[in-house]
């Protein structure tokens, strides 16, 4: 299909959107999904070793938690720079740069002997790994049409979430060899993967290679193997390579969306819930070790429930969201026919956001039970707080999935900017939350700390209320303004 490339010359209109067949696309998606695991692995594999690192470097646990904070800050900021690079210079070049940064940071972390080196290199490690998510999603967008993209993106999302489940388990096991073994593992993993990526991943940027059959001009973008290429479809692309010119980079686009009234309330709501989730999983390793006497390996196993909940959430919630959307759409169309107003505006806020309070309530309940069961760990079996993390992961990932879908609906021409605005807000707020969670626990106790975070979650529900009642009006006003500006330019 070539439906997503309407500007292809007429003679080539029937050419395929991508020269890669189904099997080859699955292989490319597998590479992109594996690349995306590095962001989650570098973050989650680290949690079981927090106490060990603090003891070895002779610094407080609060200072070690700041290395989690620095990681989150760069995780929010870095994609704003790597993403535009991949849109102009290509996916392969960007992947190579990001993995070289990640590889160098891992080697430095494995050799670090002081706290200053640790916190700086954790930032570089995040800068190198965080962009793999944005670039991977772009690769999938390059090779798939809208009709087939959903299934491939589901596999990609599973790759993102797998490290949440298995990363801490691997980290806990490696910590028995010394915490530096974690970074040597990541060094070997990233080094081997970079070699495989260079060998097996073709350039997919459509402004450079069109549907995959044009040879890119950049040396580093050239694909060393040709097993992907369908030679019967390659020769047409000399002209078709011109169809997807890179658009102007709008670096402030995410900030405009973040501070727009039709998006700010819902983004702040999500950022708050994400921050509390991040605070919970950051504190888990220390709390389970101190209150239940777990080893690093045993602590790693406690993260499985959170990861499994997150994966189940992303697989199930999409189906719930689609079914709910169809129900609202059918009801809207039926009501419009009865009222004789077929052009009535579709209430996208009602279709997308009405299930969010359910997941919000689930997260509030699970976080509250988590805090107080650990507070009274002498009388509560460890299975209870572990089970609560399953529901926390499910609720948070489901909420994030719903709101991301809503933002793409509201900003259909700025999908990447909408995603970046949400990522920036949630990572920066999570960075602040993880920096204060342990001092707060030390000051007021575990139960009261997570009661305070639940109070913040309840206050954040105001964002849903505002979006529900005023979002539609503000969205229509923004659309009318955009149409007016466009007509003025014409």
Protein backbone atom coordinates (compact mmCIF):
# COMPACT_ATOMS: atom_id res chain seq x y z
CA UNK A 1 0.00 0.00 0.00
CA UNK A 2 1.03 3.54 -0.65
CA UNK A 3 -1.82 5.33 1.05
CA UNK A 4 0.48 7.13 3.46
CA UNK A 5 2.57 8.59 0.67
CA UNK A 6 0.06 10.59 -1.41
CA UNK A 7 2.76 12.64 -3.10
CA UNK A 8 4.36 9.65 -4.83
CA UNK A 9 4.49 10.28 -8.59
CA UNK A 10 1.54 8.77 -10.46
CA UNK A 11 3.64 6.18 -12.26
CA UNK A 12 4.68 4.74 -8.93
CA UNK A 13 1.37 5.06 -7.06
CA UNK A 14 0.86 1.31 -6.91
CA UNK A 15 4.26 0.59 -5.44
CA UNK A 16 4.22 -0.85 -1.88
CA UNK A 17 4.51 1.46 1.10
CA UNK A 18 7.46 -0.66 2.22
CA UNK A 19 9.51 -3.23 0.30
CA UNK A 20 9.84 -5.35 3.43
CA UNK A 21 7.54 -8.33 3.67
CA UNK A 22 5.77 -9.41 6.86
CA UNK A 23 8.61 -11.63 8.06
CA UNK A 24 11.20 -8.93 7.49
CA UNK A 25 9.07 -6.33 9.26
CA UNK A 26 8.75 -8.58 12.30
CA UNK A 27 12.53 -8.95 12.37
CA UNK A 28 13.05 -5.18 12.16
CA UNK A 29 10.49 -4.67 14.93
CA UNK A 30 12.32 -7.28 17.03
CA UNK A 31 15.54 -5.27 16.64
CA UNK A 32 13.77 -2.02 17.58
CA UNK A 33 12.06 -3.69 20.55
CA UNK A 34 15.37 -5.11 21.79
CA UNK A 35 16.97 -1.68 21.47
CA UNK A 36 14.14 -0.21 23.55
CA UNK A 37 14.86 -2.63 26.41
CA UNK A 38 18.06 -0.75 27.25
CA UNK A 39 16.25 2.23 28.76
CA UNK A 40 14.27 -0.01 31.10
CA UNK A 41 17.17 -2.32 31.88
CA UNK A 42 19.54 0.51 32.79
CA UNK A 43 16.91 1.89 35.16
CA UNK A 44 15.39 -1.24 36.75
CA UNK A 45 18.47 -3.48 36.93
CA UNK A 46 19.96 -0.89 39.27
CA UNK A 47 17.33 -0.89 42.04
CA UNK A 48 18.38 -4.02 44.01
CA UNK A 49 21.93 -2.66 44.33
CA UNK A 50 21.11 0.76 45.81
CA UNK A 51 21.95 -0.14 49.40
CA UNK A 52 25.08 -2.06 48.36
CA UNK A 53 26.38 0.89 46.32
CA UNK A 54 25.72 3.32 49.17
CA UNK A 55 27.71 1.12 51.56
CA UNK A 56 30.57 0.53 49.12
CA UNK A 57 31.00 4.22 48.22
CA UNK A 58 30.46 5.26 51.85
CA UNK A 59 27.63 7.70 51.07
CA UNK A 60 24.04 7.94 52.29
CA UNK A 61 21.20 6.13 50.59
CA UNK A 62 19.59 9.51 49.88
CA UNK A 63 22.62 10.48 47.77
CA UNK A 64 22.47 7.18 45.88
CA UNK A 65 18.78 7.80 45.19
CA UNK A 66 19.85 11.04 43.52
CA UNK A 67 21.51 8.91 40.84
CA UNK A 68 18.01 7.62 40.06
CA UNK A 69 16.89 11.24 39.92
CA UNK A 70 19.63 12.24 37.49
CA UNK A 71 18.72 9.27 35.32
CA UNK A 72 15.08 10.36 35.17
CA UNK A 73 15.94 13.97 34.37
CA UNK A 74 18.02 13.00 31.36
CA UNK A 75 15.42 10.42 30.39
CA UNK A 76 12.92 13.24 30.04
CA UNK A 77 15.19 15.70 28.25
CA UNK A 78 17.37 13.59 25.94
CA UNK A 79 14.68 12.46 23.44
CA UNK A 80 14.03 16.10 22.58
CA UNK A 81 17.49 16.18 20.98
CA UNK A 82 17.96 12.65 19.63
CA UNK A 83 14.50 12.53 18.02
CA UNK A 84 15.10 15.48 15.67
CA UNK A 85 18.51 14.02 14.77
CA UNK A 86 16.92 10.74 13.69
CA UNK A 87 14.32 12.58 11.60
CA UNK A 88 17.03 14.39 9.63
CA UNK A 89 20.14 12.19 9.67
CA UNK A 90 18.52 8.77 9.88
CA UNK A 91 17.71 6.01 12.34
CA UNK A 92 20.95 4.04 12.00
CA UNK A 93 23.19 7.05 12.67
CA UNK A 94 21.15 8.05 15.72
CA UNK A 95 21.15 4.51 17.07
CA UNK A 96 24.94 4.33 16.65
CA UNK A 97 25.50 7.62 18.50
CA UNK A 98 23.13 6.75 21.33
CA UNK A 99 24.59 3.29 21.88
CA UNK A 100 28.15 4.62 21.80
CA UNK A 101 27.19 7.10 24.54
CA UNK A 102 25.49 4.32 26.50
CA UNK A 103 28.41 1.93 26.04
CA UNK A 104 30.97 4.51 27.17
CA UNK A 105 28.86 5.40 30.22
CA UNK A 106 28.52 1.74 31.23
CA UNK A 107 32.29 1.20 31.05
CA UNK A 108 32.85 4.32 33.14
CA UNK A 109 30.25 3.22 35.71
CA UNK A 110 31.84 -0.21 35.98
CA UNK A 111 35.16 1.47 36.77
CA UNK A 112 33.78 4.27 38.97
CA UNK A 113 35.28 4.61 42.42
CA UNK A 114 33.49 7.68 43.79
CA UNK A 115 30.03 9.17 44.01
CA UNK A 116 30.63 12.14 41.71
CA UNK A 117 31.60 9.86 38.83
CA UNK A 118 28.59 7.65 39.50
CA UNK A 119 25.99 10.41 39.35
CA UNK A 120 27.46 12.09 36.24
CA UNK A 121 27.78 8.87 34.28
CA UNK A 122 24.28 7.76 35.25
CA UNK A 123 23.10 10.91 33.48
CA UNK A 124 25.10 10.03 30.36
CA UNK A 125 23.82 6.46 30.54
CA UNK A 126 20.26 7.75 30.54
CA UNK A 127 20.96 10.17 27.68
CA UNK A 128 22.25 7.26 25.62
CA UNK A 129 19.39 4.86 26.33
CA UNK A 130 16.27 7.01 26.65
CA UNK A 131 16.06 7.87 22.95
CA UNK A 132 15.85 4.21 21.90
CA UNK A 133 12.12 4.40 22.61
CA UNK A 134 11.47 7.38 20.32
CA UNK A 135 13.76 6.10 17.54
CA UNK A 136 12.29 2.60 17.74
CA UNK A 137 8.75 3.93 17.41
CA UNK A 138 9.90 5.96 14.40
CA UNK A 139 11.39 2.86 12.76
CA UNK A 140 8.05 1.07 13.11
CA UNK A 141 6.27 4.10 11.67
CA UNK A 142 8.66 4.10 8.70
CA UNK A 143 7.91 0.55 7.60
CA UNK A 144 4.23 0.08 8.49
CA UNK A 145 0.93 1.58 7.41
CA UNK A 146 -1.77 2.62 9.85
CA UNK A 147 -3.77 -0.52 9.09
CA UNK A 148 -1.01 -2.84 10.35
CA UNK A 149 0.83 -0.64 12.82
CA UNK A 150 -1.13 -1.55 15.95
CA UNK A 151 0.06 -5.15 16.13
CA UNK A 152 3.69 -4.19 15.65
CA UNK A 153 3.45 -1.43 18.25
CA UNK A 154 2.02 -3.91 20.75
CA UNK A 155 5.15 -6.05 20.42
CA UNK A 156 7.29 -2.93 20.72
CA UNK A 157 5.51 -1.91 23.94
CA UNK A 158 6.08 -5.38 25.37
CA UNK A 159 9.79 -4.90 24.72
CA UNK A 160 9.67 -1.64 26.65
CA UNK A 161 8.01 -3.22 29.66
CA UNK A 162 9.86 -6.53 29.87
CA UNK A 163 12.83 -5.00 31.75
CA UNK A 164 10.44 -3.82 34.48
CA UNK A 165 9.81 -7.48 35.28
CA UNK A 166 13.19 -9.13 34.67
CA UNK A 167 15.64 -6.24 35.13
CA UNK A 168 15.60 -6.24 38.95
CA UNK A 169 15.90 -10.04 39.00
CA UNK A 170 19.04 -9.89 36.86
CA UNK A 171 20.33 -6.95 38.90
CA UNK A 172 19.81 -8.77 42.17
CA UNK A 173 21.66 -11.84 40.91
CA UNK A 174 24.56 -9.78 39.51
CA UNK A 175 24.92 -7.79 42.73
CA UNK A 176 26.10 -10.97 44.44
CA UNK A 177 29.22 -10.62 42.25
CA UNK A 178 29.57 -6.95 43.21
CA UNK A 179 27.44 -4.05 42.01
CA UNK A 180 29.92 -3.20 39.22
CA UNK A 181 28.98 -6.50 37.57
CA UNK A 182 25.67 -4.84 36.65
CA UNK A 183 27.44 -2.29 34.48
CA UNK A 184 29.81 -4.84 32.96
CA UNK A 185 26.75 -6.86 31.99
CA UNK A 186 25.21 -3.78 30.34
CA UNK A 187 28.52 -3.05 28.63
CA UNK A 188 28.66 -6.52 27.06
CA UNK A 189 24.95 -6.50 26.23
CA UNK A 190 25.06 -3.09 24.51
CA UNK A 191 28.34 -3.80 22.71
CA UNK A 192 27.11 -7.06 21.22
CA UNK A 193 23.76 -5.53 20.32
CA UNK A 194 25.38 -2.51 18.63
CA UNK A 195 27.33 -4.85 16.36
CA UNK A 196 24.18 -6.81 15.50
CA UNK A 197 22.24 -3.60 14.93
CA UNK A 198 24.85 -2.30 12.47
CA UNK A 199 24.79 -5.59 10.59
CA UNK A 200 21.07 -6.32 10.53
CA UNK A 201 19.10 -3.05 10.78
CA UNK A 202 18.50 -1.26 7.47
CA UNK A 203 18.01 2.48 7.27
CA UNK A 204 14.26 3.16 7.31
CA UNK A 205 14.03 6.98 7.27
CA UNK A 206 11.69 7.58 4.34
CA UNK A 207 13.27 10.87 3.29
CA UNK A 208 16.53 8.92 2.84
CA UNK A 209 15.42 5.55 1.46
CA UNK A 210 11.75 6.02 0.51
CA UNK A 211 10.06 2.64 0.95
CA UNK A 212 13.38 0.92 1.67
CA UNK A 213 14.62 0.35 -1.85
CA UNK A 214 16.77 3.45 -2.34
CA UNK A 215 20.43 3.35 -1.42
CA UNK A 216 21.12 6.08 1.16
CA UNK A 217 23.85 8.59 0.39
CA UNK A 218 25.34 8.56 3.89
CA UNK A 219 27.99 5.88 4.37
CA UNK A 220 26.90 5.02 7.92
CA UNK A 221 23.28 4.75 6.78
CA UNK A 222 24.14 2.11 4.19
CA UNK A 223 23.00 -1.35 5.09
CA UNK A 224 25.88 -3.89 4.97
CA UNK A 225 23.62 -6.84 4.14
CA UNK A 226 21.05 -7.08 1.37
CA UNK A 227 18.98 -10.00 2.64
CA UNK A 228 16.06 -7.64 3.33
CA UNK A 229 15.95 -6.18 -0.16
CA UNK A 230 13.32 -7.31 -2.61
CA UNK A 231 15.21 -6.55 -5.81
CA UNK A 232 12.07 -6.56 -7.97
CA UNK A 233 10.88 -3.49 -6.07
CA UNK A 234 14.12 -1.59 -5.62
CA UNK A 235 14.53 0.01 -9.01
CA UNK A 236 11.47 2.30 -8.86
CA UNK A 237 12.75 4.33 -5.92
CA UNK A 238 15.06 6.77 -7.71
CA UNK A 239 12.20 9.28 -7.91
CA UNK A 240 10.08 8.06 -5.00
CA UNK A 241 12.89 8.85 -2.59
CA UNK A 242 11.82 12.47 -2.83
CA UNK A 243 8.38 11.94 -1.32
CA UNK A 244 9.12 12.23 2.39
CA UNK A 245 11.31 15.23 2.93
CA UNK A 246 12.20 15.90 6.54
CA UNK A 247 10.04 18.64 8.01
CA UNK A 248 11.31 21.60 9.97
CA UNK A 249 12.31 20.67 13.51
CA UNK A 250 10.09 22.34 16.08
CA UNK A 251 12.02 22.03 19.33
CA UNK A 252 9.54 24.11 21.33
CA UNK A 253 6.49 22.17 20.12
CA UNK A 254 6.42 19.85 23.18
CA UNK A 255 6.59 22.85 25.50
CA UNK A 256 3.69 24.57 23.75
CA UNK A 257 1.57 21.46 24.19
CA UNK A 258 2.68 21.00 27.80
CA UNK A 259 1.50 24.50 28.72
CA UNK A 260 -1.63 24.57 26.54
CA UNK A 261 -4.87 24.56 28.49
CA UNK A 262 -6.32 21.72 26.40
CA UNK A 263 -3.47 19.42 27.50
CA UNK A 264 -1.89 20.75 30.70
CA UNK A 265 -4.49 19.40 33.19
CA UNK A 266 -4.33 15.83 31.89
CA UNK A 267 -0.52 15.85 31.55
CA UNK A 268 -0.07 17.11 35.12
CA UNK A 269 -2.48 14.40 36.31
CA UNK A 270 -0.48 11.66 34.57
CA UNK A 271 2.87 13.08 35.68
CA UNK A 272 1.74 12.94 39.31
CA UNK A 273 0.63 9.32 39.07
CA UNK A 274 3.81 8.33 37.24
CA UNK A 275 5.95 10.08 39.88
CA UNK A 276 4.26 8.19 42.73
CA UNK A 277 4.74 4.90 40.86
CA UNK A 278 8.42 5.69 40.38
CA UNK A 279 8.76 6.63 44.07
CA UNK A 280 7.24 3.28 45.02
CA UNK A 281 9.57 1.11 42.93
CA UNK A 282 12.59 3.22 43.92
CA UNK A 283 11.90 2.73 47.63
CA UNK A 284 11.06 -0.97 47.27
CA UNK A 285 14.60 -2.34 47.36
CA UNK A 286 15.58 -0.50 50.53
CA UNK A 287 12.28 -1.17 52.28
CA UNK A 288 12.17 -4.88 51.52
CA UNK A 289 15.79 -5.35 52.55
CA UNK A 290 15.47 -3.39 55.80
CA UNK A 291 11.99 -4.53 56.85
CA UNK A 292 12.02 -8.12 55.60
CA UNK A 293 15.74 -8.87 55.58
CA UNK A 294 15.91 -9.83 51.90
CA UNK A 295 19.13 -10.31 49.97
CA UNK A 296 19.80 -8.44 46.73
CA UNK A 297 18.75 -11.50 44.69
CA UNK A 298 15.53 -11.90 46.68
CA UNK A 299 14.85 -8.18 46.35
CA UNK A 300 15.14 -8.43 42.58
CA UNK A 301 12.46 -11.12 42.54
CA UNK A 302 10.01 -8.79 44.30
CA UNK A 303 9.92 -6.55 41.21
CA UNK A 304 8.43 -9.28 39.01
CA UNK A 305 4.89 -8.54 40.18
CA UNK A 306 5.14 -4.88 39.19
CA UNK A 307 6.52 -5.80 35.76
CA UNK A 308 3.90 -8.46 35.10
CA UNK A 309 1.16 -6.05 36.11
CA UNK A 310 2.54 -3.45 33.71
CA UNK A 311 2.70 -5.89 30.79
CA UNK A 312 -0.82 -7.21 31.41
CA UNK A 313 -2.04 -3.64 31.68
CA UNK A 314 -0.74 -2.65 28.26
CA UNK A 315 -2.12 -5.81 26.60
CA UNK A 316 -5.62 -5.63 28.10
CA UNK A 317 -6.32 -1.92 28.45
CA UNK A 318 -6.00 -1.26 24.73
CA UNK A 319 -8.85 -3.67 24.05
CA UNK A 320 -10.94 -2.10 26.83
CA UNK A 321 -10.24 1.37 25.43
CA UNK A 322 -11.26 0.37 21.89
CA UNK A 323 -14.47 -1.28 23.11
CA UNK A 324 -15.35 1.75 25.25
CA UNK A 325 -14.66 4.07 22.32
CA UNK A 326 -17.03 2.06 20.10
CA UNK A 327 -19.79 2.21 22.73
CA UNK A 328 -19.52 5.98 23.05
CA UNK A 329 -19.37 6.38 19.27
CA UNK A 330 -22.48 4.24 18.71
CA UNK A 331 -24.39 6.13 21.39
CA UNK A 332 -23.26 9.48 19.96
CA UNK A 333 -24.30 8.58 16.42
CA UNK A 334 -27.66 7.23 17.60
CA UNK A 335 -28.34 10.40 19.60
CA UNK A 336 -27.27 12.59 16.68
CA UNK A 337 -29.72 10.82 14.35
CA UNK A 338 -32.55 11.27 16.85
CA UNK A 339 -31.76 14.96 17.27
CA UNK A 340 -31.31 15.50 13.54
CA UNK A 341 -27.75 16.80 14.00
CA UNK A 342 -25.43 14.38 12.16
CA UNK A 343 -22.52 16.83 12.35
CA UNK A 344 -22.55 17.11 16.12
CA UNK A 345 -19.06 17.23 17.59
CA UNK A 346 -17.85 13.87 18.83
CA UNK A 347 -17.13 13.97 22.62
CA UNK A 348 -13.60 12.55 22.52
CA UNK A 349 -13.07 13.36 26.22
CA UNK A 350 -16.02 11.16 27.17
CA UNK A 351 -14.85 8.35 24.89
CA UNK A 352 -11.27 8.26 26.14
CA UNK A 353 -11.20 9.47 29.73
CA UNK A 354 -14.19 7.96 31.47
CA UNK A 355 -12.29 4.81 32.51
CA UNK A 356 -9.33 6.77 33.92
CA UNK A 357 -10.87 7.29 37.41
CA UNK A 358 -11.14 3.49 37.75
CA UNK A 359 -7.41 3.04 37.24
CA UNK A 360 -6.70 6.09 39.41
CA UNK A 361 -8.68 4.56 42.27
CA UNK A 362 -6.85 1.25 41.83
CA UNK A 363 -3.47 2.97 42.06
CA UNK A 364 -4.48 5.01 45.11
CA UNK A 365 -5.65 1.89 46.94
CA UNK A 366 -2.61 -0.20 46.04
CA UNK A 367 -0.10 2.50 47.04
CA UNK A 368 -1.87 3.08 50.36
CA UNK A 369 -1.90 -0.64 51.19
CA UNK A 370 1.75 -0.93 50.11
CA UNK A 371 2.85 1.79 52.53
CA UNK A 372 0.98 0.59 55.59
CA UNK A 373 1.70 -3.12 55.14
CA UNK A 374 5.42 -2.37 55.05
CA UNK A 375 4.98 -0.07 58.06
CA UNK A 376 3.73 -3.10 59.99
CA UNK A 377 5.94 -5.67 58.31
CA UNK A 378 6.35 -7.61 61.55
CA UNK A 379 2.68 -8.65 61.33
CA UNK A 380 2.09 -8.65 57.56
CA UNK A 381 3.39 -11.30 55.18
CA UNK A 382 5.66 -9.96 52.43
CA UNK A 383 3.29 -11.32 49.78
CA UNK A 384 0.79 -8.52 50.52
CA UNK A 385 2.99 -5.51 49.58
CA UNK A 386 4.37 -7.46 46.60
CA UNK A 387 0.85 -8.08 45.31
CA UNK A 388 0.02 -4.38 45.66
CA UNK A 389 2.87 -3.52 43.28
CA UNK A 390 1.19 -5.74 40.66
CA UNK A 391 -1.90 -3.54 40.78
CA UNK A 392 0.12 -0.33 40.94
CA UNK A 393 1.96 -1.30 37.75
CA UNK A 394 -1.28 -2.33 36.03
CA UNK A 395 -3.04 0.91 36.98
CA UNK A 396 -0.20 3.26 36.04
CA UNK A 397 0.55 1.72 32.65
CA UNK A 398 -3.16 1.58 31.81
CA UNK A 399 -3.62 5.23 32.74
CA UNK A 400 -0.60 6.19 30.67
CA UNK A 401 -1.89 4.24 27.67
CA UNK A 402 -5.30 5.91 27.81
CA UNK A 403 -3.92 9.44 28.14
CA UNK A 404 -1.35 8.96 25.40
CA UNK A 405 -4.13 7.81 23.07
CA UNK A 406 -6.19 10.85 24.05
CA UNK A 407 -3.32 13.27 23.42
CA UNK A 408 -2.74 11.79 19.96
CA UNK A 409 -6.46 12.25 19.26
CA UNK A 410 -6.30 15.89 20.33
CA UNK A 411 -3.02 16.65 18.52
CA UNK A 412 -3.21 14.46 15.38
CA UNK A 413 -0.64 16.57 13.52
CA UNK A 414 1.77 16.72 16.46
CA UNK A 415 1.91 13.13 17.69
CA UNK A 416 5.63 13.17 18.46
CA UNK A 417 5.42 16.53 20.21
CA UNK A 418 2.48 15.34 22.32
CA UNK A 419 4.42 12.23 23.34
CA UNK A 420 7.50 14.30 24.16
CA UNK A 421 5.50 16.75 26.29
CA UNK A 422 4.06 13.91 28.35
CA UNK A 423 7.46 12.25 28.68
CA UNK A 424 9.12 15.50 29.78
CA UNK A 425 6.54 16.23 32.47
CA UNK A 426 6.38 12.72 33.93
CA UNK A 427 10.14 12.18 34.03
CA UNK A 428 10.95 15.54 35.62
CA UNK A 429 8.23 15.19 38.26
CA UNK A 430 9.35 11.61 38.94
CA UNK A 431 12.91 12.85 39.34
CA UNK A 432 11.76 15.21 42.08
CA UNK A 433 9.70 12.48 43.74
CA UNK A 434 12.50 9.92 43.87
CA UNK A 435 14.86 12.49 45.38
CA UNK A 436 12.60 13.07 48.39
CA UNK A 437 11.00 9.67 48.98
CA UNK A 438 13.64 8.21 51.31
CA UNK A 439 14.17 11.43 53.35
CA UNK A 440 10.40 11.60 53.75
CA UNK A 441 10.23 7.97 54.87
CA UNK A 442 13.01 8.61 57.38
CA UNK A 443 11.18 11.67 58.68
CA UNK A 444 7.57 10.46 59.00
CA UNK A 445 7.61 6.69 58.36
CA UNK A 446 6.60 4.49 55.45
CA UNK A 447 2.85 4.46 56.03
CA UNK A 448 2.49 8.22 56.40
CA UNK A 449 4.81 8.87 53.44
CA UNK A 450 2.65 6.89 51.06
CA UNK A 451 -0.50 8.33 52.61
CA UNK A 452 0.85 11.74 51.63
CA UNK A 453 1.53 10.53 48.09
CA UNK A 454 -2.03 9.17 47.85
CA UNK A 455 -3.31 12.58 48.98
CA UNK A 456 -1.34 14.06 46.08
CA UNK A 457 -2.93 11.51 43.73
CA UNK A 458 -6.40 12.50 44.91
CA UNK A 459 -5.65 16.19 44.39
CA UNK A 460 -4.36 15.39 40.90
CA UNK A 461 -7.82 14.03 40.02
CA UNK A 462 -8.80 17.66 39.61
CA UNK A 463 -6.96 17.48 36.29
CA UNK A 464 -9.34 14.77 35.06
CA UNK A 465 -12.34 16.81 36.24
CA UNK A 466 -11.11 19.89 34.40
CA UNK A 467 -10.35 17.96 31.23
CA UNK A 468 -13.70 16.18 31.32
CA UNK A 469 -15.77 19.37 31.70
CA UNK A 470 -13.73 21.96 29.79
CA UNK A 471 -11.37 20.01 27.53
CA UNK A 472 -13.86 19.69 24.69
CA UNK A 473 -14.60 23.43 24.66
CA UNK A 474 -10.90 24.35 24.75
CA UNK A 475 -10.11 21.79 22.04
CA UNK A 476 -12.73 23.25 19.68
CA UNK A 477 -11.46 26.76 20.37
CA UNK A 478 -7.91 25.69 19.53
CA UNK A 479 -9.04 23.94 16.33
CA UNK A 480 -10.96 27.04 15.24
CA UNK A 481 -7.93 29.22 15.94
CA UNK A 482 -5.67 26.91 13.93
CA UNK A 483 -8.09 26.97 10.99
CA UNK A 484 -8.17 30.77 11.12
CA UNK A 485 -4.36 31.01 11.17
CA UNK A 486 -4.11 28.57 8.26
CA UNK A 487 -6.62 30.54 6.20
CA UNK A 488 -4.75 33.78 6.92
CA UNK A 489 -1.51 32.24 5.65
CA UNK A 490 -3.22 31.09 2.49
